[in-house]
Amino acid sequence: MNCALCGSKTSEFSVVHKRAYQHCPNCDGISLHSSYFLSNDKERKRYEIHNNDVTDLGYQNFVSPIVNAIIKNYRKNHKGLDFGSGSNPVITTMLRNQKYTITTFDPFFDPDSKALQSTYHYIACCEVMEHFYHPNKEFKLLYSLLKNKGSLYCKTYLYDESIDFDSWWYKNDTTHVFFYTKKTLNWIKNHYGFSEIIISEKLIIFKK
């Protein structure tokens, strides 16, 4: 199996819960073998039970690192995109409550292709990148959707060697198919041409 991000040949990494994972020695990404990907219907049903109620204070707090970073760095008239906004776009709701101009796109719940025909000052991508079946195509798209000097704000849980992958809770979601390390993120930064990457515990920022 070739890596879905960089195309390099992967090696067997782990088999957990009867699902096989591969490791890429080039970009350091860990991917679920494609034979275990869910069908579109099953994937959608899994997303429909996600707890992302726009009125839930816990979830608002969870996404607040992205919201706060956008408010700090961009004005209300700047154009934003909530990519992978889900069935209840919490980030969009919180920013629109602050009078920010932000558009939503989600392949299941808001598949408006017009949203992908514009460019944006900032893009929010919260708990989305681990769902990418084709991260190479998705990051190429995200880079193209950013205006010059724009920022891509991502949130996901990173893997590192201190984590026991077989017991790691984050891989248990059947829609989580690709996992990133700091090396993977730096590979993305260099390969797609981002000028800078900032990695913190709660936020990943790619700057164009």
N, C-alpha and C. Protein backbone atom coordinates (compact mmCIF):
# COMPACT_ATOMS: atom_id res chain seq x y z
N MET A 1 0.84 -1.19 0.00
CA MET A 1 0.00 0.00 0.00
C MET A 1 0.88 1.25 0.00
N ASN A 2 0.56 2.19 -0.87
CA ASN A 2 1.28 3.46 -0.90
C ASN A 2 0.62 4.47 0.03
N CYS A 3 1.42 5.35 0.59
CA CYS A 3 0.93 6.37 1.51
C CYS A 3 -0.05 7.29 0.81
N ALA A 4 -1.19 7.54 1.45
CA ALA A 4 -2.21 8.40 0.87
C ALA A 4 -1.81 9.86 0.88
N LEU A 5 -0.78 10.19 1.63
CA LEU A 5 -0.32 11.58 1.68
C LEU A 5 0.83 11.83 0.72
N CYS A 6 1.91 11.06 0.84
CA CYS A 6 3.11 11.34 0.04
C CYS A 6 3.36 10.35 -1.08
N GLY A 7 2.64 9.25 -1.10
CA GLY A 7 2.77 8.28 -2.17
C GLY A 7 3.87 7.25 -2.00
N SER A 8 4.63 7.33 -0.92
CA SER A 8 5.70 6.38 -0.68
C SER A 8 5.14 5.03 -0.25
N LYS A 9 5.95 4.00 -0.40
CA LYS A 9 5.52 2.67 0.01
C LYS A 9 5.49 2.59 1.53
N THR A 10 4.41 2.06 2.06
CA THR A 10 4.25 1.95 3.52
C THR A 10 4.60 0.53 3.97
N SER A 11 4.76 0.40 5.29
CA SER A 11 5.02 -0.91 5.88
C SER A 11 3.97 -1.18 6.95
N GLU A 12 3.81 -2.46 7.28
CA GLU A 12 2.84 -2.82 8.31
C GLU A 12 3.23 -2.20 9.64
N PHE A 13 2.24 -1.64 10.32
CA PHE A 13 2.50 -0.96 11.59
C PHE A 13 1.82 -1.65 12.77
N SER A 14 0.53 -1.95 12.61
CA SER A 14 -0.21 -2.58 13.70
C SER A 14 -1.51 -3.15 13.18
N VAL A 15 -2.01 -4.16 13.87
CA VAL A 15 -3.35 -4.69 13.61
C VAL A 15 -4.10 -4.65 14.94
N VAL A 16 -5.13 -3.82 14.99
CA VAL A 16 -5.90 -3.63 16.22
C VAL A 16 -7.39 -3.70 15.88
N HIS A 17 -8.17 -4.38 16.71
CA HIS A 17 -9.60 -4.52 16.48
C HIS A 17 -9.88 -5.02 15.06
N LYS A 18 -9.03 -5.92 14.61
CA LYS A 18 -9.16 -6.53 13.28
C LYS A 18 -9.05 -5.52 12.15
N ARG A 19 -8.34 -4.41 12.41
CA ARG A 19 -8.08 -3.42 11.37
C ARG A 19 -6.57 -3.20 11.28
N ALA A 20 -6.08 -3.09 10.05
CA ALA A 20 -4.64 -2.99 9.81
C ALA A 20 -4.24 -1.55 9.54
N TYR A 21 -3.12 -1.16 10.14
CA TYR A 21 -2.57 0.19 9.97
C TYR A 21 -1.18 0.11 9.36
N GLN A 22 -0.88 1.10 8.53
CA GLN A 22 0.39 1.17 7.83
C GLN A 22 1.17 2.41 8.27
N HIS A 23 2.49 2.32 8.22
CA HIS A 23 3.34 3.46 8.55
C HIS A 23 4.15 3.86 7.33
N CYS A 24 4.28 5.16 7.13
CA CYS A 24 5.07 5.67 6.01
C CYS A 24 6.42 6.16 6.52
N PRO A 25 7.53 5.60 6.04
CA PRO A 25 8.85 6.03 6.51
C PRO A 25 9.26 7.39 5.97
N ASN A 26 8.57 7.86 4.94
CA ASN A 26 8.93 9.15 4.34
C ASN A 26 8.31 10.33 5.08
N CYS A 27 6.97 10.35 5.18
CA CYS A 27 6.29 11.47 5.84
C CYS A 27 5.91 11.16 7.28
N ASP A 28 6.09 9.92 7.70
CA ASP A 28 5.82 9.48 9.08
C ASP A 28 4.34 9.38 9.40
N GLY A 29 3.49 9.43 8.39
CA GLY A 29 2.05 9.28 8.61
C GLY A 29 1.67 7.84 8.90
N ILE A 30 0.60 7.67 9.65
CA ILE A 30 0.05 6.35 9.95
C ILE A 30 -1.36 6.30 9.37
N SER A 31 -1.63 5.30 8.57
CA SER A 31 -2.91 5.24 7.89
C SER A 31 -3.59 3.90 8.08
N LEU A 32 -4.91 3.97 8.18
CA LEU A 32 -5.71 2.75 8.16
C LEU A 32 -5.68 2.19 6.75
N HIS A 33 -5.50 0.88 6.62
CA HIS A 33 -5.50 0.29 5.29
C HIS A 33 -6.84 0.57 4.62
N SER A 34 -6.79 0.95 3.36
CA SER A 34 -7.98 1.41 2.65
C SER A 34 -9.08 0.35 2.57
N SER A 35 -8.75 -0.91 2.73
CA SER A 35 -9.77 -1.95 2.68
C SER A 35 -10.72 -1.89 3.87
N TYR A 36 -10.37 -1.09 4.89
CA TYR A 36 -11.21 -0.95 6.07
C TYR A 36 -12.00 0.36 6.09
N PHE A 37 -11.91 1.13 5.03
CA PHE A 37 -12.67 2.38 4.96
C PHE A 37 -14.17 2.07 4.97
N LEU A 38 -14.92 2.94 5.62
CA LEU A 38 -16.38 2.79 5.65
C LEU A 38 -16.99 3.21 4.32
N SER A 39 -18.18 2.69 4.03
CA SER A 39 -18.94 3.19 2.89
C SER A 39 -19.44 4.59 3.22
N ASN A 40 -19.86 5.33 2.20
CA ASN A 40 -20.36 6.69 2.41
C ASN A 40 -21.53 6.70 3.39
N ASP A 41 -22.43 5.74 3.26
CA ASP A 41 -23.61 5.70 4.14
C ASP A 41 -23.21 5.46 5.59
N LYS A 42 -22.31 4.51 5.81
CA LYS A 42 -21.88 4.21 7.17
C LYS A 42 -21.08 5.36 7.76
N GLU A 43 -20.29 6.02 6.93
CA GLU A 43 -19.51 7.16 7.42
C GLU A 43 -20.44 8.30 7.83
N ARG A 44 -21.42 8.58 7.02
CA ARG A 44 -22.36 9.64 7.34
C ARG A 44 -23.11 9.34 8.64
N LYS A 45 -23.56 8.10 8.80
CA LYS A 45 -24.29 7.72 10.01
C LYS A 45 -23.42 7.90 11.25
N ARG A 46 -22.12 7.63 11.12
CA ARG A 46 -21.21 7.81 12.25
C ARG A 46 -21.09 9.29 12.60
N TYR A 47 -21.03 10.15 11.60
CA TYR A 47 -20.94 11.59 11.85
C TYR A 47 -22.22 12.14 12.47
N GLU A 48 -23.34 11.53 12.13
CA GLU A 48 -24.62 12.03 12.64
C GLU A 48 -24.76 11.85 14.14
N ILE A 49 -23.97 10.96 14.74
CA ILE A 49 -24.05 10.77 16.19
C ILE A 49 -22.95 11.52 16.94
N HIS A 50 -22.12 12.28 16.20
CA HIS A 50 -21.10 13.09 16.87
C HIS A 50 -21.77 14.14 17.76
N ASN A 51 -21.17 14.38 18.88
CA ASN A 51 -21.69 15.38 19.82
C ASN A 51 -21.07 16.74 19.51
N ASN A 52 -21.69 17.45 18.56
CA ASN A 52 -21.18 18.78 18.23
C ASN A 52 -22.32 19.79 18.18
N ASP A 53 -23.15 19.75 19.20
CA ASP A 53 -24.27 20.67 19.35
C ASP A 53 -23.73 22.09 19.47
N VAL A 54 -24.29 23.01 18.67
CA VAL A 54 -23.79 24.39 18.67
C VAL A 54 -24.02 25.08 20.01
N THR A 55 -24.94 24.57 20.83
CA THR A 55 -25.21 25.21 22.12
C THR A 55 -24.45 24.55 23.27
N ASP A 56 -23.69 23.49 22.96
CA ASP A 56 -22.97 22.76 24.00
C ASP A 56 -21.72 23.53 24.41
N LEU A 57 -21.67 23.96 25.66
CA LEU A 57 -20.55 24.79 26.13
C LEU A 57 -19.24 24.02 26.11
N GLY A 58 -19.30 22.72 26.35
CA GLY A 58 -18.09 21.90 26.31
C GLY A 58 -17.48 21.88 24.92
N TYR A 59 -18.34 21.74 23.91
CA TYR A 59 -17.82 21.71 22.54
C TYR A 59 -17.36 23.11 22.11
N GLN A 60 -18.05 24.13 22.54
CA GLN A 60 -17.61 25.49 22.26
C GLN A 60 -16.21 25.72 22.84
N ASN A 61 -15.99 25.23 24.03
CA ASN A 61 -14.67 25.36 24.65
C ASN A 61 -13.62 24.57 23.89
N PHE A 62 -14.02 23.40 23.36
CA PHE A 62 -13.11 22.55 22.60
C PHE A 62 -12.61 23.24 21.34
N VAL A 63 -13.51 23.93 20.64
CA VAL A 63 -13.12 24.59 19.38
C VAL A 63 -12.59 26.00 19.61
N SER A 64 -12.63 26.49 20.84
CA SER A 64 -12.26 27.88 21.12
C SER A 64 -10.83 28.25 20.72
N PRO A 65 -9.84 27.34 20.76
CA PRO A 65 -8.51 27.75 20.29
C PRO A 65 -8.52 28.25 18.85
N ILE A 66 -9.30 27.62 17.98
CA ILE A 66 -9.39 28.08 16.60
C ILE A 66 -10.16 29.39 16.52
N VAL A 67 -11.29 29.46 17.20
CA VAL A 67 -12.10 30.68 17.18
C VAL A 67 -11.32 31.87 17.71
N ASN A 68 -10.64 31.68 18.83
CA ASN A 68 -9.89 32.79 19.43
C ASN A 68 -8.74 33.24 18.55
N ALA A 69 -8.07 32.29 17.88
CA ALA A 69 -6.97 32.64 17.00
C ALA A 69 -7.45 33.44 15.80
N ILE A 70 -8.61 33.07 15.26
CA ILE A 70 -9.17 33.81 14.13
C ILE A 70 -9.55 35.22 14.55
N ILE A 71 -10.22 35.35 15.69
CA ILE A 71 -10.62 36.67 16.17
C ILE A 71 -9.39 37.55 16.45
N LYS A 72 -8.33 36.94 16.94
CA LYS A 72 -7.11 37.69 17.24
C LYS A 72 -6.42 38.20 15.97
N ASN A 73 -6.47 37.41 14.90
CA ASN A 73 -5.65 37.70 13.73
C ASN A 73 -6.41 38.24 12.52
N TYR A 74 -7.74 38.17 12.55
CA TYR A 74 -8.50 38.61 11.39
C TYR A 74 -9.67 39.50 11.80
N ARG A 75 -10.04 40.36 10.86
CA ARG A 75 -11.15 41.27 11.10
C ARG A 75 -12.46 40.64 10.62
N LYS A 76 -13.56 41.28 10.99
CA LYS A 76 -14.88 40.73 10.70
C LYS A 76 -15.18 40.67 9.20
N ASN A 77 -14.56 41.56 8.43
CA ASN A 77 -14.83 41.59 6.99
C ASN A 77 -13.93 40.64 6.20
N HIS A 78 -12.96 40.01 6.85
CA HIS A 78 -12.14 39.01 6.18
C HIS A 78 -12.98 37.77 5.89
N LYS A 79 -12.69 37.12 4.78
CA LYS A 79 -13.46 35.94 4.37
C LYS A 79 -12.88 34.67 4.98
N GLY A 80 -13.74 33.87 5.59
CA GLY A 80 -13.30 32.62 6.19
C GLY A 80 -14.09 31.44 5.67
N LEU A 81 -13.52 30.24 5.85
CA LEU A 81 -14.18 29.00 5.46
C LEU A 81 -14.08 28.00 6.59
N ASP A 82 -15.20 27.41 6.95
CA ASP A 82 -15.24 26.31 7.91
C ASP A 82 -15.29 25.02 7.10
N PHE A 83 -14.13 24.38 6.92
CA PHE A 83 -14.00 23.22 6.02
C PHE A 83 -14.22 21.94 6.82
N GLY A 84 -15.24 21.18 6.41
CA GLY A 84 -15.63 20.02 7.21
C GLY A 84 -16.45 20.45 8.39
N SER A 85 -17.40 21.34 8.14
CA SER A 85 -18.15 22.02 9.21
C SER A 85 -19.11 21.11 9.95
N GLY A 86 -19.45 19.94 9.36
CA GLY A 86 -20.31 19.00 10.06
C GLY A 86 -21.78 19.36 10.01
N SER A 87 -22.56 18.61 10.75
CA SER A 87 -24.01 18.80 10.75
C SER A 87 -24.43 20.02 11.56
N ASN A 88 -23.60 20.40 12.51
CA ASN A 88 -23.86 21.59 13.34
C ASN A 88 -22.57 22.41 13.41
N PRO A 89 -22.43 23.42 12.53
CA PRO A 89 -21.16 24.15 12.42
C PRO A 89 -20.91 25.09 13.60
N VAL A 90 -20.28 24.55 14.61
CA VAL A 90 -20.09 25.30 15.86
C VAL A 90 -19.16 26.49 15.65
N ILE A 91 -18.03 26.27 14.97
CA ILE A 91 -17.09 27.37 14.74
C ILE A 91 -17.75 28.49 13.96
N THR A 92 -18.48 28.12 12.92
CA THR A 92 -19.18 29.12 12.11
C THR A 92 -20.18 29.90 12.95
N THR A 93 -20.95 29.20 13.77
CA THR A 93 -21.95 29.85 14.61
C THR A 93 -21.29 30.83 15.58
N MET A 94 -20.20 30.41 16.22
CA MET A 94 -19.53 31.28 17.18
C MET A 94 -18.95 32.52 16.49
N LEU A 95 -18.39 32.36 15.30
CA LEU A 95 -17.83 33.51 14.59
C LEU A 95 -18.91 34.42 14.03
N ARG A 96 -19.97 33.83 13.52
CA ARG A 96 -21.07 34.66 13.00
C ARG A 96 -21.74 35.44 14.12
N ASN A 97 -21.76 34.87 15.31
CA ASN A 97 -22.29 35.62 16.46
C ASN A 97 -21.45 36.85 16.76
N GLN A 98 -20.18 36.81 16.32
CA GLN A 98 -19.28 37.95 16.47
C GLN A 98 -19.24 38.80 15.19
N LYS A 99 -20.18 38.53 14.26
CA LYS A 99 -20.33 39.26 13.01
C LYS A 99 -19.22 38.99 12.00
N TYR A 100 -18.57 37.82 12.12
CA TYR A 100 -17.54 37.45 11.15
C TYR A 100 -18.19 36.86 9.89
N THR A 101 -17.48 37.03 8.78
CA THR A 101 -17.95 36.55 7.48
C THR A 101 -17.31 35.20 7.20
N ILE A 102 -18.07 34.13 7.34
CA ILE A 102 -17.51 32.79 7.17
C ILE A 102 -18.50 31.88 6.44
N THR A 103 -17.96 31.08 5.54
CA THR A 103 -18.73 30.15 4.72
C THR A 103 -18.48 28.73 5.20
N THR A 104 -19.46 27.86 5.01
CA THR A 104 -19.29 26.46 5.42
C THR A 104 -19.17 25.55 4.20
N PHE A 105 -18.44 24.45 4.41
CA PHE A 105 -18.41 23.37 3.43
C PHE A 105 -18.24 22.05 4.16
N ASP A 106 -19.05 21.08 3.80
CA ASP A 106 -18.92 19.73 4.34
C ASP A 106 -19.39 18.75 3.27
N PRO A 107 -18.59 17.73 2.96
CA PRO A 107 -18.96 16.83 1.87
C PRO A 107 -20.24 16.04 2.13
N PHE A 108 -20.65 15.92 3.39
CA PHE A 108 -21.87 15.18 3.72
C PHE A 108 -23.05 16.09 4.03
N PHE A 109 -22.81 17.17 4.78
CA PHE A 109 -23.91 17.96 5.31
C PHE A 109 -24.07 19.33 4.65
N ASP A 110 -23.07 19.77 3.91
CA ASP A 110 -23.15 21.06 3.22
C ASP A 110 -22.25 21.05 1.99
N PRO A 111 -22.56 20.15 1.03
CA PRO A 111 -21.67 19.96 -0.12
C PRO A 111 -21.84 21.00 -1.22
N ASP A 112 -21.75 22.27 -0.85
CA ASP A 112 -21.92 23.35 -1.81
C ASP A 112 -20.59 23.61 -2.52
N SER A 113 -20.50 23.20 -3.77
CA SER A 113 -19.25 23.35 -4.50
C SER A 113 -18.86 24.80 -4.72
N LYS A 114 -19.82 25.72 -4.62
CA LYS A 114 -19.50 27.14 -4.79
C LYS A 114 -18.52 27.62 -3.72
N ALA A 115 -18.58 26.99 -2.56
CA ALA A 115 -17.67 27.37 -1.48
C ALA A 115 -16.22 27.07 -1.84
N LEU A 116 -16.02 26.13 -2.76
CA LEU A 116 -14.67 25.74 -3.17
C LEU A 116 -14.21 26.47 -4.42
N GLN A 117 -14.97 27.47 -4.83
CA GLN A 117 -14.62 28.25 -6.01
C GLN A 117 -14.19 29.67 -5.65
N SER A 118 -13.91 29.87 -4.38
CA SER A 118 -13.46 31.17 -3.90
C SER A 118 -12.15 30.98 -3.14
N THR A 119 -11.57 32.06 -2.66
CA THR A 119 -10.38 31.99 -1.81
C THR A 119 -10.66 32.74 -0.52
N TYR A 120 -9.90 32.39 0.51
CA TYR A 120 -10.23 32.85 1.86
C TYR A 120 -8.99 33.35 2.60
N HIS A 121 -9.23 34.29 3.51
CA HIS A 121 -8.15 34.78 4.36
C HIS A 121 -7.77 33.74 5.41
N TYR A 122 -8.76 32.97 5.84
CA TYR A 122 -8.49 31.92 6.84
C TYR A 122 -9.43 30.75 6.62
N ILE A 123 -8.96 29.56 7.00
CA ILE A 123 -9.76 28.35 6.92
C ILE A 123 -9.67 27.62 8.25
N ALA A 124 -10.81 27.22 8.79
CA ALA A 124 -10.87 26.41 9.99
C ALA A 124 -11.08 24.96 9.58
N CYS A 125 -10.30 24.06 10.16
CA CYS A 125 -10.37 22.63 9.81
C CYS A 125 -10.25 21.85 11.12
N CYS A 126 -11.34 21.82 11.87
CA CYS A 126 -11.31 21.31 13.24
C CYS A 126 -11.75 19.85 13.30
N GLU A 127 -10.86 18.97 13.75
CA GLU A 127 -11.15 17.55 13.85
C GLU A 127 -11.66 17.01 12.50
N VAL A 128 -10.92 17.33 11.46
CA VAL A 128 -11.30 16.95 10.10
C VAL A 128 -10.18 16.18 9.41
N MET A 129 -8.94 16.58 9.59
CA MET A 129 -7.84 16.02 8.79
C MET A 129 -7.59 14.55 9.06
N GLU A 130 -8.00 14.06 10.22
CA GLU A 130 -7.85 12.63 10.51
C GLU A 130 -8.87 11.78 9.74
N HIS A 131 -9.86 12.44 9.12
CA HIS A 131 -10.88 11.75 8.34
C HIS A 131 -10.53 11.68 6.85
N PHE A 132 -9.44 12.31 6.45
CA PHE A 132 -9.12 12.40 5.02
C PHE A 132 -8.73 11.04 4.44
N TYR A 133 -9.53 10.53 3.51
CA TYR A 133 -9.15 9.32 2.77
C TYR A 133 -8.01 9.62 1.80
N HIS A 134 -8.00 10.86 1.30
CA HIS A 134 -6.98 11.28 0.33
C HIS A 134 -6.34 12.59 0.80
N PRO A 135 -5.53 12.52 1.85
CA PRO A 135 -4.97 13.76 2.39
C PRO A 135 -4.12 14.53 1.39
N ASN A 136 -3.51 13.84 0.42
CA ASN A 136 -2.74 14.55 -0.60
C ASN A 136 -3.62 15.52 -1.38
N LYS A 137 -4.80 15.07 -1.77
CA LYS A 137 -5.73 15.92 -2.52
C LYS A 137 -6.33 17.00 -1.63
N GLU A 138 -6.62 16.64 -0.39
CA GLU A 138 -7.28 17.60 0.51
C GLU A 138 -6.35 18.76 0.87
N PHE A 139 -5.10 18.47 1.16
CA PHE A 139 -4.19 19.57 1.51
C PHE A 139 -3.83 20.41 0.29
N LYS A 140 -3.77 19.80 -0.86
CA LYS A 140 -3.58 20.57 -2.09
C LYS A 140 -4.75 21.53 -2.29
N LEU A 141 -5.96 21.03 -2.05
CA LEU A 141 -7.16 21.87 -2.16
C LEU A 141 -7.13 22.99 -1.14
N LEU A 142 -6.85 22.66 0.11
CA LEU A 142 -6.85 23.68 1.17
C LEU A 142 -5.84 24.77 0.89
N TYR A 143 -4.66 24.40 0.41
CA TYR A 143 -3.64 25.40 0.06
C TYR A 143 -4.17 26.32 -1.04
N SER A 144 -4.83 25.75 -2.04
CA SER A 144 -5.33 26.55 -3.16
C SER A 144 -6.46 27.48 -2.76
N LEU A 145 -7.17 27.14 -1.69
CA LEU A 145 -8.30 27.96 -1.24
C LEU A 145 -7.87 29.15 -0.39
N LEU A 146 -6.61 29.16 0.02
CA LEU A 146 -6.11 30.26 0.86
C LEU A 146 -5.60 31.42 0.01
N LYS A 147 -5.95 32.61 0.41
CA LYS A 147 -5.35 33.79 -0.18
C LYS A 147 -3.89 33.88 0.26
N ASN A 148 -3.10 34.67 -0.46
CA ASN A 148 -1.71 34.89 -0.07
C ASN A 148 -1.65 35.45 1.36
N LYS A 149 -0.79 34.90 2.16
CA LYS A 149 -0.63 35.26 3.59
C LYS A 149 -1.77 34.73 4.45
N GLY A 150 -2.64 33.89 3.88
CA GLY A 150 -3.74 33.34 4.65
C GLY A 150 -3.28 32.24 5.60
N SER A 151 -4.19 31.83 6.49
CA SER A 151 -3.85 30.84 7.52
C SER A 151 -4.86 29.70 7.53
N LEU A 152 -4.33 28.50 7.69
CA LEU A 152 -5.13 27.29 7.85
C LEU A 152 -5.02 26.83 9.29
N TYR A 153 -6.15 26.85 10.01
CA TYR A 153 -6.18 26.48 11.42
C TYR A 153 -6.73 25.06 11.56
N CYS A 154 -5.90 24.15 12.05
CA CYS A 154 -6.30 22.75 12.18
C CYS A 154 -6.27 22.31 13.64
N LYS A 155 -7.07 21.31 13.92
CA LYS A 155 -7.08 20.71 15.25
C LYS A 155 -7.23 19.21 15.08
N THR A 156 -6.28 18.46 15.61
CA THR A 156 -6.33 17.01 15.62
C THR A 156 -5.40 16.54 16.72
N TYR A 157 -5.45 15.28 17.07
CA TYR A 157 -4.53 14.73 18.06
C TYR A 157 -3.36 14.09 17.32
N LEU A 158 -2.15 14.49 17.69
CA LEU A 158 -0.96 13.98 17.03
C LEU A 158 -0.48 12.71 17.71
N TYR A 159 0.13 11.86 16.91
CA TYR A 159 0.75 10.65 17.43
C TYR A 159 2.24 10.89 17.62
N ASP A 160 2.80 10.31 18.68
CA ASP A 160 4.26 10.27 18.84
C ASP A 160 4.62 8.96 19.52
N GLU A 161 5.91 8.69 19.60
CA GLU A 161 6.37 7.39 20.07
C GLU A 161 6.11 7.14 21.55
N SER A 162 5.72 8.17 22.28
CA SER A 162 5.38 7.97 23.69
C SER A 162 3.99 7.34 23.86
N ILE A 163 3.23 7.30 22.78
CA ILE A 163 1.87 6.77 22.80
C ILE A 163 1.87 5.30 22.39
N ASP A 164 1.18 4.49 23.15
CA ASP A 164 0.97 3.10 22.77
C ASP A 164 -0.18 3.06 21.78
N PHE A 165 0.15 2.90 20.51
CA PHE A 165 -0.87 3.00 19.46
C PHE A 165 -2.00 2.00 19.66
N ASP A 166 -1.68 0.80 20.06
CA ASP A 166 -2.71 -0.25 20.16
C ASP A 166 -3.79 0.09 21.19
N SER A 167 -3.44 0.86 22.21
CA SER A 167 -4.43 1.23 23.22
C SER A 167 -4.87 2.70 23.10
N TRP A 168 -4.39 3.38 22.08
CA TRP A 168 -4.70 4.81 21.89
C TRP A 168 -6.17 4.98 21.54
N TRP A 169 -6.88 5.75 22.34
CA TRP A 169 -8.32 5.92 22.15
C TRP A 169 -8.67 6.60 20.83
N TYR A 170 -7.77 7.44 20.35
CA TYR A 170 -8.11 8.28 19.19
C TYR A 170 -8.28 7.48 17.91
N LYS A 171 -7.61 6.35 17.82
CA LYS A 171 -7.71 5.54 16.61
C LYS A 171 -8.98 4.70 16.59
N ASN A 172 -9.73 4.65 17.70
CA ASN A 172 -10.88 3.76 17.79
C ASN A 172 -12.10 4.24 17.02
N ASP A 173 -12.16 5.52 16.74
CA ASP A 173 -13.25 6.03 15.90
C ASP A 173 -13.05 5.46 14.50
N THR A 174 -14.05 4.76 14.00
CA THR A 174 -13.90 4.07 12.71
C THR A 174 -13.80 5.02 11.52
N THR A 175 -14.06 6.31 11.73
CA THR A 175 -13.90 7.29 10.65
C THR A 175 -12.53 7.97 10.70
N HIS A 176 -11.72 7.65 11.70
CA HIS A 176 -10.36 8.20 11.78
C HIS A 176 -9.43 7.28 11.00
N VAL A 177 -8.91 7.79 9.88
CA VAL A 177 -8.18 6.91 8.96
C VAL A 177 -6.73 7.34 8.73
N PHE A 178 -6.36 8.54 9.14
CA PHE A 178 -4.98 9.00 8.93
C PHE A 178 -4.54 9.79 10.16
N PHE A 179 -3.33 9.45 10.64
CA PHE A 179 -2.81 10.06 11.86
C PHE A 179 -1.46 10.72 11.57
N TYR A 180 -1.25 11.84 12.21
CA TYR A 180 -0.11 12.70 11.90
C TYR A 180 0.84 12.80 13.08
N THR A 181 2.11 12.95 12.77
CA THR A 181 3.12 13.30 13.76
C THR A 181 3.63 14.70 13.42
N LYS A 182 4.48 15.25 14.26
CA LYS A 182 5.07 16.56 13.94
C LYS A 182 5.87 16.49 12.64
N LYS A 183 6.53 15.35 12.40
CA LYS A 183 7.27 15.19 11.15
C LYS A 183 6.31 15.23 9.95
N THR A 184 5.16 14.60 10.09
CA THR A 184 4.17 14.61 9.01
C THR A 184 3.72 16.03 8.70
N LEU A 185 3.46 16.79 9.75
CA LEU A 185 3.00 18.17 9.55
C LEU A 185 4.06 19.01 8.86
N ASN A 186 5.31 18.80 9.23
CA ASN A 186 6.39 19.55 8.58
C ASN A 186 6.55 19.11 7.12
N TRP A 187 6.30 17.82 6.84
CA TRP A 187 6.32 17.37 5.46
C TRP A 187 5.24 18.09 4.65
N ILE A 188 4.05 18.21 5.22
CA ILE A 188 2.96 18.92 4.55
C ILE A 188 3.34 20.38 4.30
N LYS A 189 3.90 21.00 5.31
CA LYS A 189 4.32 22.40 5.16
C LYS A 189 5.29 22.58 4.01
N ASN A 190 6.29 21.73 3.95
CA ASN A 190 7.32 21.85 2.91
C ASN A 190 6.81 21.44 1.53
N HIS A 191 6.04 20.37 1.47
CA HIS A 191 5.60 19.85 0.18
C HIS A 191 4.61 20.77 -0.51
N TYR A 192 3.68 21.33 0.24
CA TYR A 192 2.64 22.15 -0.38
C TYR A 192 3.02 23.62 -0.47
N GLY A 193 4.10 24.01 0.17
CA GLY A 193 4.61 25.37 0.00
C GLY A 193 4.14 26.37 1.04
N PHE A 194 3.67 25.90 2.18
CA PHE A 194 3.33 26.83 3.25
C PHE A 194 4.61 27.51 3.74
N SER A 195 4.50 28.75 4.11
CA SER A 195 5.68 29.50 4.53
C SER A 195 6.07 29.21 5.97
N GLU A 196 5.10 28.77 6.77
CA GLU A 196 5.36 28.59 8.21
C GLU A 196 4.36 27.60 8.78
N ILE A 197 4.77 26.92 9.82
CA ILE A 197 3.85 26.08 10.59
C ILE A 197 4.09 26.32 12.07
N ILE A 198 3.01 26.42 12.81
CA ILE A 198 3.07 26.60 14.26
C ILE A 198 2.30 25.44 14.88
N ILE A 199 2.97 24.66 15.71
CA ILE A 199 2.35 23.48 16.32
C ILE A 199 2.31 23.67 17.83
N SER A 200 1.12 23.70 18.39
CA SER A 200 0.97 23.75 19.84
C SER A 200 0.07 22.60 20.28
N GLU A 201 -0.15 22.48 21.55
CA GLU A 201 -0.91 21.34 22.07
C GLU A 201 -2.35 21.34 21.55
N LYS A 202 -2.93 22.51 21.37
CA LYS A 202 -4.35 22.58 21.03
C LYS A 202 -4.61 23.13 19.63
N LEU A 203 -3.55 23.47 18.89
CA LEU A 203 -3.78 24.15 17.61
C LEU A 203 -2.60 23.95 16.68
N ILE A 204 -2.89 23.74 15.40
CA ILE A 204 -1.90 23.66 14.34
C ILE A 204 -2.22 24.76 13.33
N ILE A 205 -1.25 25.59 13.01
CA ILE A 205 -1.46 26.69 12.08
C ILE A 205 -0.48 26.57 10.92
N PHE A 206 -1.02 26.45 9.71
CA PHE A 206 -0.22 26.54 8.49
C PHE A 206 -0.43 27.94 7.91
N LYS A 207 0.67 28.61 7.62
CA LYS A 207 0.57 29.94 7.02
C LYS A 207 1.09 29.91 5.59
N LYS A 208 0.32 30.51 4.70
CA LYS A 208 0.69 30.53 3.28
C LYS A 208 1.72 31.62 3.03
